Amino acid sequence: MRWQNSLWRLKQTKIVKGANELNTETIFFDIGFYGLLLSIAVSMAAALIKKVRSRENGSSLRLLTAEKASLFLSMLVWLAITIFIVARAIRTGHGPFTSMYEFSVAFAWGILSMSIFFSWKYKNNVINLLGLVACACLQTYARTLSAQAQPLVPALQNSLLLTAHVFSAVVAYGAFTIGLIASILFLIQKDDRFASLPDSKTLEKIGYHSVIIGFPFMTLVIVLGALWADIAWGKFWSWDPKETASLITWLIYAAYIHARVMRGWRGVRSALLLIIGFAAILLTFFGSYFFSGLHAY
């Protein structure tokens, strides 16, 4: 009887511990989500101040304060999402690669990381604002999905290799999202019509630098994915829809680099290539809804 009571107490302790850990995840997910909404509001306020500001010092000071506050809030949101990912990894024992829910949050983290970096590097709030909006869209999508942690299937047992594979995808997708934002803004701003937006030359530079960061990681996605496929399925390449879409994405961005460096492409043509490339990323990301294959998501 005594050992049964001890076993019952042990089970209760594990249940309470699991509930506490799950509650920690929920808290930081919500902090990240509502923090994103607040960051967007502050960033929009900064954009509005920039648009209507006068030449008075007070207006310039308000703009600087609003932009700094937006960037600071973005960093706090980034920290909250990071804690969520780490807490979930500790609880489940693996990285964010077993469900669409986990990867959506990781994708949002990648976008936010790149948004903060490019906003800081180019000293422009608009990039951060649109990055925050993209991140909020992904977090909203994640809220519609089941947060239930799934046990690892045998094909996902190689945790280290898969974590590196998924992390590479997160960085690549985050960087390419900034490239999309820069390209759309370039098409709006190509004649430098709006003083509140970065000039077209800067936007084109941001688009190019986003690919310089993202393309090596996209290459790693394919290479590490092939290594994992050989371990899990017995061959490096199966022409799985997800694999094929990733290869198409890689080829589009490779074509962009070739066209820009070797052919001297600039302006609208380069911007359109980046938009097409991101469309391929969306196909890769949501492809599991349309095509059946070896990948669960």
C-alpha atoms as a PDB file:
ATOM      1  CA  MET A   1       0.000   0.000   0.000  1.00  0.00           C
ATOM      2  CA  ARG A   2       2.858   2.323   0.875  1.00  0.00           C
ATOM      3  CA  TRP A   3       4.579   1.786  -2.480  1.00  0.00           C
ATOM      4  CA  GLN A   4       1.269   2.442  -4.273  1.00  0.00           C
ATOM      5  CA  ASN A   5       0.928   5.764  -2.454  1.00  0.00           C
ATOM      6  CA  SER A   6       4.506   6.665  -3.375  1.00  0.00           C
ATOM      7  CA  LEU A   7       3.823   5.807  -7.022  1.00  0.00           C
ATOM      8  CA  TRP A   8       0.638   7.893  -6.977  1.00  0.00           C
ATOM      9  CA  ARG A   9       2.524  10.869  -5.490  1.00  0.00           C
ATOM     10  CA  LEU A  10       5.253  10.501  -8.135  1.00  0.00           C
ATOM     11  CA  LYS A  11       2.643  10.523 -10.913  1.00  0.00           C
ATOM     12  CA  GLN A  12       0.940  13.552  -9.393  1.00  0.00           C
ATOM     13  CA  THR A  13       4.299  15.349  -9.174  1.00  0.00           C
ATOM     14  CA  LYS A  14       4.982  14.662 -12.870  1.00  0.00           C
ATOM     15  CA  ILE A  15       1.492  15.837 -13.817  1.00  0.00           C
ATOM     16  CA  VAL A  16       1.898  19.065 -11.838  1.00  0.00           C
ATOM     17  CA  LYS A  17       5.392  19.620 -13.234  1.00  0.00           C
ATOM     18  CA  GLY A  18       4.149  19.060 -16.793  1.00  0.00           C
ATOM     19  CA  ALA A  19       1.235  21.422 -16.219  1.00  0.00           C
ATOM     20  CA  ASN A  20       3.562  24.101 -14.824  1.00  0.00           C
ATOM     21  CA  GLU A  21       5.874  23.786 -17.816  1.00  0.00           C
ATOM     22  CA  LEU A  22       2.930  23.946 -20.209  1.00  0.00           C
ATOM     23  CA  ASN A  23       1.629  26.979 -18.337  1.00  0.00           C
ATOM     24  CA  THR A  24       5.059  28.638 -18.731  1.00  0.00           C
ATOM     25  CA  GLU A  25       4.889  28.056 -22.483  1.00  0.00           C
ATOM     26  CA  THR A  26       1.390  29.518 -22.659  1.00  0.00           C
ATOM     27  CA  ILE A  27       2.385  32.591 -20.656  1.00  0.00           C
ATOM     28  CA  PHE A  28       5.380  33.403 -22.848  1.00  0.00           C
ATOM     29  CA  PHE A  29       3.469  32.637 -26.048  1.00  0.00           C
ATOM     30  CA  ASP A  30       0.810  35.147 -24.975  1.00  0.00           C
ATOM     31  CA  ILE A  31       3.413  37.699 -23.874  1.00  0.00           C
ATOM     32  CA  GLY A  32       5.014  37.386 -27.296  1.00  0.00           C
ATOM     33  CA  PHE A  33       1.709  37.643 -29.146  1.00  0.00           C
ATOM     34  CA  TYR A  34       0.283  40.642 -27.299  1.00  0.00           C
ATOM     35  CA  GLY A  35       3.735  42.219 -27.179  1.00  0.00           C
ATOM     36  CA  LEU A  36       3.769  42.005 -30.977  1.00  0.00           C
ATOM     37  CA  LEU A  37       0.483  43.892 -31.177  1.00  0.00           C
ATOM     38  CA  LEU A  38       1.837  46.582 -28.852  1.00  0.00           C
ATOM     39  CA  SER A  39       5.075  46.802 -30.847  1.00  0.00           C
ATOM     40  CA  ILE A  40       3.090  47.224 -34.065  1.00  0.00           C
ATOM     41  CA  ALA A  41       1.049  50.038 -32.504  1.00  0.00           C
ATOM     42  CA  VAL A  42       4.175  51.869 -31.308  1.00  0.00           C
ATOM     43  CA  SER A  43       5.912  51.307 -34.646  1.00  0.00           C
ATOM     44  CA  MET A  44       2.878  52.674 -36.509  1.00  0.00           C
ATOM     45  CA  ALA A  45       2.920  55.711 -34.244  1.00  0.00           C
ATOM     46  CA  ALA A  46       6.594  56.249 -35.129  1.00  0.00           C
ATOM     47  CA  ALA A  47       5.775  55.959 -38.845  1.00  0.00           C
ATOM     48  CA  LEU A  48       2.951  58.468 -38.458  1.00  0.00           C
ATOM     49  CA  ILE A  49       5.172  60.919 -36.571  1.00  0.00           C
ATOM     50  CA  LYS A  50       7.782  60.619 -39.302  1.00  0.00           C
ATOM     51  CA  LYS A  51       5.215  61.334 -41.969  1.00  0.00           C
ATOM     52  CA  VAL A  52       3.773  64.451 -40.393  1.00  0.00           C
ATOM     53  CA  ARG A  53       6.735  65.741 -38.439  1.00  0.00           C
ATOM     54  CA  SER A  54       7.836  69.303 -38.835  1.00  0.00           C
ATOM     55  CA  ARG A  55      11.370  70.617 -38.657  1.00  0.00           C
ATOM     56  CA  GLU A  56      11.032  71.426 -34.967  1.00  0.00           C
ATOM     57  CA  ASN A  57      13.372  69.673 -32.569  1.00  0.00           C
ATOM     58  CA  GLY A  58      10.483  68.465 -30.446  1.00  0.00           C
ATOM     59  CA  SER A  59       8.989  66.472 -33.318  1.00  0.00           C
ATOM     60  CA  SER A  60      12.355  64.928 -34.117  1.00  0.00           C
ATOM     61  CA  LEU A  61      12.771  63.963 -30.464  1.00  0.00           C
ATOM     62  CA  ARG A  62       9.333  62.327 -30.401  1.00  0.00           C
ATOM     63  CA  LEU A  63      10.192  60.383 -33.555  1.00  0.00           C
ATOM     64  CA  LEU A  64      13.490  59.161 -32.112  1.00  0.00           C
ATOM     65  CA  THR A  65      11.776  58.137 -28.861  1.00  0.00           C
ATOM     66  CA  ALA A  66       9.007  56.254 -30.683  1.00  0.00           C
ATOM     67  CA  GLU A  67      11.457  54.411 -32.964  1.00  0.00           C
ATOM     68  CA  LYS A  68      13.680  53.415 -30.031  1.00  0.00           C
ATOM     69  CA  ALA A  69      10.630  52.267 -28.061  1.00  0.00           C
ATOM     70  CA  SER A  70       9.475  50.171 -31.040  1.00  0.00           C
ATOM     71  CA  LEU A  71      12.866  48.500 -31.406  1.00  0.00           C
ATOM     72  CA  PHE A  72      13.124  47.896 -27.640  1.00  0.00           C
ATOM     73  CA  LEU A  73       9.654  46.316 -27.538  1.00  0.00           C
ATOM     74  CA  SER A  74      10.577  44.151 -30.537  1.00  0.00           C
ATOM     75  CA  MET A  75      13.598  42.859 -28.613  1.00  0.00           C
ATOM     76  CA  LEU A  76      11.414  42.036 -25.606  1.00  0.00           C
ATOM     77  CA  VAL A  77       8.996  40.145 -27.851  1.00  0.00           C
ATOM     78  CA  TRP A  78      11.939  38.292 -29.401  1.00  0.00           C
ATOM     79  CA  LEU A  79      13.064  37.313 -25.896  1.00  0.00           C
ATOM     80  CA  ALA A  80       9.575  36.077 -24.971  1.00  0.00           C
ATOM     81  CA  ILE A  81       9.315  33.903 -28.089  1.00  0.00           C
ATOM     82  CA  THR A  82      12.847  32.595 -27.470  1.00  0.00           C
ATOM     83  CA  ILE A  83      11.913  31.584 -23.909  1.00  0.00           C
ATOM     84  CA  PHE A  84       8.778  29.881 -25.258  1.00  0.00           C
ATOM     85  CA  ILE A  85      10.807  27.844 -27.769  1.00  0.00           C
ATOM     86  CA  VAL A  86      13.430  26.890 -25.165  1.00  0.00           C
ATOM     87  CA  ALA A  87      10.783  25.959 -22.559  1.00  0.00           C
ATOM     88  CA  ARG A  88       8.957  23.781 -25.060  1.00  0.00           C
ATOM     89  CA  ALA A  89      12.198  22.122 -26.192  1.00  0.00           C
ATOM     90  CA  ILE A  90      13.078  21.317 -22.569  1.00  0.00           C
ATOM     91  CA  ARG A  91       9.617  19.860 -21.924  1.00  0.00           C
ATOM     92  CA  THR A  92       9.396  17.822 -25.126  1.00  0.00           C
ATOM     93  CA  GLY A  93      13.081  16.959 -25.432  1.00  0.00           C
ATOM     94  CA  HIS A  94      13.376  18.084 -29.033  1.00  0.00           C
ATOM     95  CA  GLY A  95      13.442  21.181 -31.224  1.00  0.00           C
ATOM     96  CA  PRO A  96      10.449  22.792 -32.970  1.00  0.00           C
ATOM     97  CA  PHE A  97      10.094  20.300 -35.790  1.00  0.00           C
ATOM     98  CA  THR A  98       7.261  17.872 -35.023  1.00  0.00           C
ATOM     99  CA  SER A  99       4.262  20.011 -35.983  1.00  0.00           C
ATOM    100  CA  MET A 100       3.101  22.989 -37.992  1.00  0.00           C
ATOM    101  CA  TYR A 101       2.412  24.790 -34.701  1.00  0.00           C
ATOM    102  CA  GLU A 102       6.013  24.539 -33.531  1.00  0.00           C
ATOM    103  CA  PHE A 103       7.523  25.488 -36.871  1.00  0.00           C
ATOM    104  CA  SER A 104       5.127  28.443 -37.302  1.00  0.00           C
ATOM    105  CA  VAL A 105       6.321  29.927 -34.022  1.00  0.00           C
ATOM    106  CA  ALA A 106       9.946  29.248 -34.987  1.00  0.00           C
ATOM    107  CA  PHE A 107       9.341  30.872 -38.391  1.00  0.00           C
ATOM    108  CA  ALA A 108       7.931  33.946 -36.607  1.00  0.00           C
ATOM    109  CA  TRP A 109      11.051  33.998 -34.429  1.00  0.00           C
ATOM    110  CA  GLY A 110      13.232  33.964 -37.548  1.00  0.00           C
ATOM    111  CA  ILE A 111      11.319  36.849 -39.110  1.00  0.00           C
ATOM    112  CA  LEU A 112      11.537  38.898 -35.924  1.00  0.00           C
ATOM    113  CA  SER A 113      15.270  38.219 -35.590  1.00  0.00           C
ATOM    114  CA  MET A 114      15.923  39.450 -39.123  1.00  0.00           C
ATOM    115  CA  SER A 115      13.518  42.361 -38.742  1.00  0.00           C
ATOM    116  CA  ILE A 116      15.357  43.630 -35.670  1.00  0.00           C
ATOM    117  CA  PHE A 117      18.741  43.149 -37.338  1.00  0.00           C
ATOM    118  CA  PHE A 118      17.871  44.968 -40.568  1.00  0.00           C
ATOM    119  CA  SER A 119      15.988  47.720 -38.742  1.00  0.00           C
ATOM    120  CA  TRP A 120      19.052  48.313 -36.560  1.00  0.00           C
ATOM    121  CA  LYS A 121      21.525  48.081 -39.444  1.00  0.00           C
ATOM    122  CA  TYR A 122      19.663  50.446 -41.773  1.00  0.00           C
ATOM    123  CA  LYS A 123      18.165  52.655 -39.054  1.00  0.00           C
ATOM    124  CA  ASN A 124      14.654  52.415 -40.483  1.00  0.00           C
ATOM    125  CA  ASN A 125      11.458  51.720 -38.593  1.00  0.00           C
ATOM    126  CA  VAL A 126       9.345  50.728 -41.621  1.00  0.00           C
ATOM    127  CA  ILE A 127      11.250  47.455 -42.140  1.00  0.00           C
ATOM    128  CA  ASN A 128      10.694  46.589 -38.485  1.00  0.00           C
ATOM    129  CA  LEU A 129       7.004  47.532 -38.679  1.00  0.00           C
ATOM    130  CA  LEU A 130       6.298  45.254 -41.633  1.00  0.00           C
ATOM    131  CA  GLY A 131       8.444  42.506 -40.114  1.00  0.00           C
ATOM    132  CA  LEU A 132       6.347  42.735 -36.945  1.00  0.00           C
ATOM    133  CA  VAL A 133       3.161  42.481 -39.007  1.00  0.00           C
ATOM    134  CA  ALA A 134       4.453  39.353 -40.788  1.00  0.00           C
ATOM    135  CA  CYS A 135       5.462  37.872 -37.427  1.00  0.00           C
ATOM    136  CA  ALA A 136       2.034  38.651 -35.938  1.00  0.00           C
ATOM    137  CA  CYS A 137       0.326  36.943 -38.898  1.00  0.00           C
ATOM    138  CA  LEU A 138       2.318  33.764 -38.246  1.00  0.00           C
ATOM    139  CA  GLN A 139       1.643  33.886 -34.512  1.00  0.00           C
ATOM    140  CA  THR A 140      -2.073  34.367 -35.225  1.00  0.00           C
ATOM    141  CA  TYR A 141      -1.955  31.357 -37.533  1.00  0.00           C
ATOM    142  CA  ALA A 142      -0.167  29.346 -34.822  1.00  0.00           C
ATOM    143  CA  ARG A 143      -2.984  30.198 -32.378  1.00  0.00           C
ATOM    144  CA  THR A 144      -5.425  28.360 -34.676  1.00  0.00           C
ATOM    145  CA  LEU A 145      -3.348  25.157 -34.533  1.00  0.00           C
ATOM    146  CA  SER A 146      -3.143  22.497 -31.855  1.00  0.00           C
ATOM    147  CA  ALA A 147      -0.383  23.182 -29.326  1.00  0.00           C
ATOM    148  CA  GLN A 148      -0.367  19.565 -28.197  1.00  0.00           C
ATOM    149  CA  ALA A 149       3.186  18.208 -28.203  1.00  0.00           C
ATOM    150  CA  GLN A 150       3.548  15.123 -30.378  1.00  0.00           C
ATOM    151  CA  PRO A 151       5.873  12.203 -29.553  1.00  0.00           C
ATOM    152  CA  LEU A 152       8.783  11.746 -31.912  1.00  0.00           C
ATOM    153  CA  VAL A 153       8.128   9.226 -34.655  1.00  0.00           C
ATOM    154  CA  PRO A 154      11.105   6.992 -35.574  1.00  0.00           C
ATOM    155  CA  ALA A 155      11.976   9.142 -38.616  1.00  0.00           C
ATOM    156  CA  LEU A 156      12.464  12.152 -36.318  1.00  0.00           C
ATOM    157  CA  GLN A 157      14.737  10.499 -33.776  1.00  0.00           C
ATOM    158  CA  ASN A 158      17.912  12.189 -35.063  1.00  0.00           C
ATOM    159  CA  SER A 159      17.284  15.270 -32.946  1.00  0.00           C
ATOM    160  CA  LEU A 160      20.593  17.112 -33.504  1.00  0.00           C
ATOM    161  CA  LEU A 161      20.524  16.805 -37.300  1.00  0.00           C
ATOM    162  CA  LEU A 162      16.858  17.774 -37.525  1.00  0.00           C
ATOM    163  CA  THR A 163      17.324  20.723 -35.165  1.00  0.00           C
ATOM    164  CA  ALA A 164      20.121  22.046 -37.399  1.00  0.00           C
ATOM    165  CA  HIS A 165      17.955  21.414 -40.483  1.00  0.00           C
ATOM    166  CA  VAL A 166      14.980  23.301 -39.063  1.00  0.00           C
ATOM    167  CA  PHE A 167      17.106  26.116 -37.597  1.00  0.00           C
ATOM    168  CA  SER A 168      18.632  26.687 -41.044  1.00  0.00           C
ATOM    169  CA  ALA A 169      15.135  26.897 -42.539  1.00  0.00           C
ATOM    170  CA  VAL A 170      14.038  29.375 -39.855  1.00  0.00           C
ATOM    171  CA  VAL A 171      16.981  31.713 -40.555  1.00  0.00           C
ATOM    172  CA  ALA A 172      16.597  31.393 -44.343  1.00  0.00           C
ATOM    173  CA  TYR A 173      12.845  32.011 -44.301  1.00  0.00           C
ATOM    174  CA  GLY A 174      13.246  34.934 -41.911  1.00  0.00           C
ATOM    175  CA  ALA A 175      15.856  36.578 -44.136  1.00  0.00           C
ATOM    176  CA  PHE A 176      13.822  35.994 -47.299  1.00  0.00           C
ATOM    177  CA  THR A 177      10.793  37.579 -45.629  1.00  0.00           C
ATOM    178  CA  ILE A 178      12.806  40.781 -45.228  1.00  0.00           C
ATOM    179  CA  GLY A 179      13.715  40.476 -48.913  1.00  0.00           C
ATOM    180  CA  LEU A 180      10.011  40.290 -49.761  1.00  0.00           C
ATOM    181  CA  ILE A 181       9.263  43.375 -47.648  1.00  0.00           C
ATOM    182  CA  ALA A 182      12.113  45.333 -49.249  1.00  0.00           C
ATOM    183  CA  SER A 183      10.976  44.317 -52.745  1.00  0.00           C
ATOM    184  CA  ILE A 184       7.363  45.364 -52.199  1.00  0.00           C
ATOM    185  CA  LEU A 185       8.496  48.685 -50.735  1.00  0.00           C
ATOM    186  CA  PHE A 186      10.869  49.130 -53.694  1.00  0.00           C
ATOM    187  CA  LEU A 187       8.012  48.740 -56.184  1.00  0.00           C
ATOM    188  CA  ILE A 188       6.063  51.365 -54.228  1.00  0.00           C
ATOM    189  CA  GLN A 189       9.068  53.645 -53.806  1.00  0.00           C
ATOM    190  CA  LYS A 190      10.966  53.112 -57.084  1.00  0.00           C
ATOM    191  CA  ASP A 191      10.837  56.797 -58.008  1.00  0.00           C
ATOM    192  CA  ASP A 192      11.539  57.880 -54.404  1.00  0.00           C
ATOM    193  CA  ARG A 193       8.083  59.363 -54.120  1.00  0.00           C
ATOM    194  CA  PHE A 194       7.632  58.960 -50.364  1.00  0.00           C
ATOM    195  CA  ALA A 195       9.954  60.681 -47.915  1.00  0.00           C
ATOM    196  CA  SER A 196       8.733  58.478 -45.053  1.00  0.00           C
ATOM    197  CA  LEU A 197      10.022  55.324 -46.765  1.00  0.00           C
ATOM    198  CA  PRO A 198      13.631  54.277 -47.311  1.00  0.00           C
ATOM    199  CA  ASP A 199      14.971  55.383 -50.692  1.00  0.00           C
ATOM    200  CA  SER A 200      14.877  52.859 -53.532  1.00  0.00           C
ATOM    201  CA  LYS A 201      18.643  52.326 -53.505  1.00  0.00           C
ATOM    202  CA  THR A 202      18.581  51.364 -49.825  1.00  0.00           C
ATOM    203  CA  LEU A 203      15.626  49.033 -50.348  1.00  0.00           C
ATOM    204  CA  GLU A 204      17.393  47.254 -53.186  1.00  0.00           C
ATOM    205  CA  LYS A 205      20.468  46.874 -50.978  1.00  0.00           C
ATOM    206  CA  ILE A 206      18.345  45.428 -48.154  1.00  0.00           C
ATOM    207  CA  GLY A 207      16.793  42.921 -50.561  1.00  0.00           C
ATOM    208  CA  TYR A 208      20.210  41.815 -51.790  1.00  0.00           C
ATOM    209  CA  HIS A 209      21.698  41.533 -48.304  1.00  0.00           C
ATOM    210  CA  SER A 210      18.720  39.473 -47.147  1.00  0.00           C
ATOM    211  CA  VAL A 211      19.481  36.922 -49.856  1.00  0.00           C
ATOM    212  CA  ILE A 212      23.195  36.935 -49.031  1.00  0.00           C
ATOM    213  CA  ILE A 213      22.208  35.895 -45.491  1.00  0.00           C
ATOM    214  CA  GLY A 214      19.374  33.543 -46.401  1.00  0.00           C
ATOM    215  CA  PHE A 215      20.810  31.673 -49.383  1.00  0.00           C
ATOM    216  CA  PRO A 216      23.641  29.826 -47.529  1.00  0.00           C
ATOM    217  CA  PHE A 217      21.135  28.712 -44.897  1.00  0.00           C
ATOM    218  CA  MET A 218      18.716  27.580 -47.610  1.00  0.00           C
ATOM    219  CA  THR A 219      21.570  25.529 -49.045  1.00  0.00           C
ATOM    220  CA  LEU A 220      22.081  23.975 -45.605  1.00  0.00           C
ATOM    221  CA  VAL A 221      18.358  23.173 -45.435  1.00  0.00           C
ATOM    222  CA  ILE A 222      18.648  21.018 -48.548  1.00  0.00           C
ATOM    223  CA  VAL A 223      21.983  19.412 -47.635  1.00  0.00           C
ATOM    224  CA  LEU A 224      21.003  18.588 -44.024  1.00  0.00           C
ATOM    225  CA  GLY A 225      17.562  17.466 -45.191  1.00  0.00           C
ATOM    226  CA  ALA A 226      19.167  15.051 -47.641  1.00  0.00           C
ATOM    227  CA  LEU A 227      21.418  13.634 -44.904  1.00  0.00           C
ATOM    228  CA  TRP A 228      18.437  13.186 -42.613  1.00  0.00           C
ATOM    229  CA  ALA A 229      16.405  11.592 -45.433  1.00  0.00           C
ATOM    230  CA  ASP A 230      19.132   9.049 -46.026  1.00  0.00           C
ATOM    231  CA  ILE A 231      19.106   8.119 -42.327  1.00  0.00           C
ATOM    232  CA  ALA A 232      15.310   8.093 -41.985  1.00  0.00           C
ATOM    233  CA  TRP A 233      14.140   6.807 -45.385  1.00  0.00           C
ATOM    234  CA  GLY A 234      17.216   5.120 -46.814  1.00  0.00           C
ATOM    235  CA  LYS A 235      17.913   7.530 -49.683  1.00  0.00           C
ATOM    236  CA  PHE A 236      19.090  11.119 -50.036  1.00  0.00           C
ATOM    237  CA  TRP A 237      16.338  12.297 -52.392  1.00  0.00           C
ATOM    238  CA  SER A 238      12.786  11.039 -52.936  1.00  0.00           C
ATOM    239  CA  TRP A 239      11.220  13.885 -54.939  1.00  0.00           C
ATOM    240  CA  ASP A 240       8.882  14.409 -52.010  1.00  0.00           C
ATOM    241  CA  PRO A 241       6.729  17.545 -52.625  1.00  0.00           C
ATOM    242  CA  LYS A 242       8.443  19.378 -49.754  1.00  0.00           C
ATOM    243  CA  GLU A 243      11.884  18.467 -51.090  1.00  0.00           C
ATOM    244  CA  THR A 244      10.930  19.521 -54.613  1.00  0.00           C
ATOM    245  CA  ALA A 245       9.453  22.834 -53.452  1.00  0.00           C
ATOM    246  CA  SER A 246      12.605  23.541 -51.412  1.00  0.00           C
ATOM    247  CA  LEU A 247      14.774  22.842 -54.460  1.00  0.00           C
ATOM    248  CA  ILE A 248      12.646  25.168 -56.615  1.00  0.00           C
ATOM    249  CA  THR A 249      12.976  27.865 -53.947  1.00  0.00           C
ATOM    250  CA  TRP A 250      16.752  27.407 -53.869  1.00  0.00           C
ATOM    251  CA  LEU A 251      16.955  27.641 -57.670  1.00  0.00           C
ATOM    252  CA  ILE A 252      14.958  30.881 -57.749  1.00  0.00           C
ATOM    253  CA  TYR A 253      17.235  32.577 -55.238  1.00  0.00           C
ATOM    254  CA  ALA A 254      20.289  31.153 -57.009  1.00  0.00           C
ATOM    255  CA  ALA A 255      18.936  32.694 -60.218  1.00  0.00           C
ATOM    256  CA  TYR A 256      18.507  36.021 -58.400  1.00  0.00           C
ATOM    257  CA  ILE A 257      22.145  36.019 -57.250  1.00  0.00           C
ATOM    258  CA  HIS A 258      23.357  35.023 -60.726  1.00  0.00           C
ATOM    259  CA  ALA A 259      21.212  37.658 -62.442  1.00  0.00           C
ATOM    260  CA  ARG A 260      22.354  40.392 -60.085  1.00  0.00           C
ATOM    261  CA  VAL A 261      26.065  39.550 -59.930  1.00  0.00           C
ATOM    262  CA  MET A 262      26.697  38.224 -63.441  1.00  0.00           C
ATOM    263  CA  ARG A 263      23.999  39.990 -65.466  1.00  0.00           C
ATOM    264  CA  GLY A 264      23.798  43.225 -63.526  1.00  0.00           C
ATOM    265  CA  TRP A 265      20.080  42.994 -62.868  1.00  0.00           C
ATOM    266  CA  ARG A 266      18.753  45.818 -60.731  1.00  0.00           C
ATOM    267  CA  GLY A 267      15.446  47.490 -60.041  1.00  0.00           C
ATOM    268  CA  VAL A 268      12.059  46.001 -60.864  1.00  0.00           C
ATOM    269  CA  ARG A 269      13.342  42.708 -62.300  1.00  0.00           C
ATOM    270  CA  SER A 270      15.315  41.915 -59.146  1.00  0.00           C
ATOM    271  CA  ALA A 271      12.393  42.871 -56.920  1.00  0.00           C
ATOM    272  CA  LEU A 272      10.016  40.623 -58.866  1.00  0.00           C
ATOM    273  CA  LEU A 273      12.438  37.690 -58.567  1.00  0.00           C
ATOM    274  CA  LEU A 274      12.476  38.088 -54.786  1.00  0.00           C
ATOM    275  CA  ILE A 275       8.678  38.165 -54.692  1.00  0.00           C
ATOM    276  CA  ILE A 276       8.511  34.999 -56.821  1.00  0.00           C
ATOM    277  CA  GLY A 277      11.085  33.393 -54.527  1.00  0.00           C
ATOM    278  CA  PHE A 278       8.968  34.103 -51.468  1.00  0.00           C
ATOM    279  CA  ALA A 279       5.899  32.697 -53.221  1.00  0.00           C
ATOM    280  CA  ALA A 280       7.898  29.464 -53.550  1.00  0.00           C
ATOM    281  CA  ILE A 281       8.630  29.617 -49.806  1.00  0.00           C
ATOM    282  CA  LEU A 282       4.902  29.878 -49.071  1.00  0.00           C
ATOM    283  CA  LEU A 283       4.304  26.884 -51.323  1.00  0.00           C
ATOM    284  CA  THR A 284       6.972  24.982 -49.391  1.00  0.00           C
ATOM    285  CA  PHE A 285       5.535  26.067 -46.048  1.00  0.00           C
ATOM    286  CA  PHE A 286       1.877  25.312 -46.788  1.00  0.00           C
ATOM    287  CA  GLY A 287       2.498  22.547 -49.327  1.00  0.00           C
ATOM    288  CA  SER A 288       1.546  19.764 -46.926  1.00  0.00           C
ATOM    289  CA  TYR A 289      -2.047  20.994 -47.083  1.00  0.00           C
ATOM    290  CA  PHE A 290      -2.182  20.395 -50.834  1.00  0.00           C
ATOM    291  CA  PHE A 291       0.294  17.571 -51.521  1.00  0.00           C
ATOM    292  CA  SER A 292       0.768  14.302 -49.681  1.00  0.00           C
ATOM    293  CA  GLY A 293       4.329  13.187 -49.069  1.00  0.00           C
ATOM    294  CA  LEU A 294       6.849  11.971 -46.555  1.00  0.00           C
ATOM    295  CA  HIS A 295       6.837  15.241 -44.600  1.00  0.00           C
ATOM    296  CA  ALA A 296       4.113  15.604 -41.980  1.00  0.00           C
ATOM    297  CA  TYR A 297       4.031  19.408 -42.424  1.00  0.00           C
END
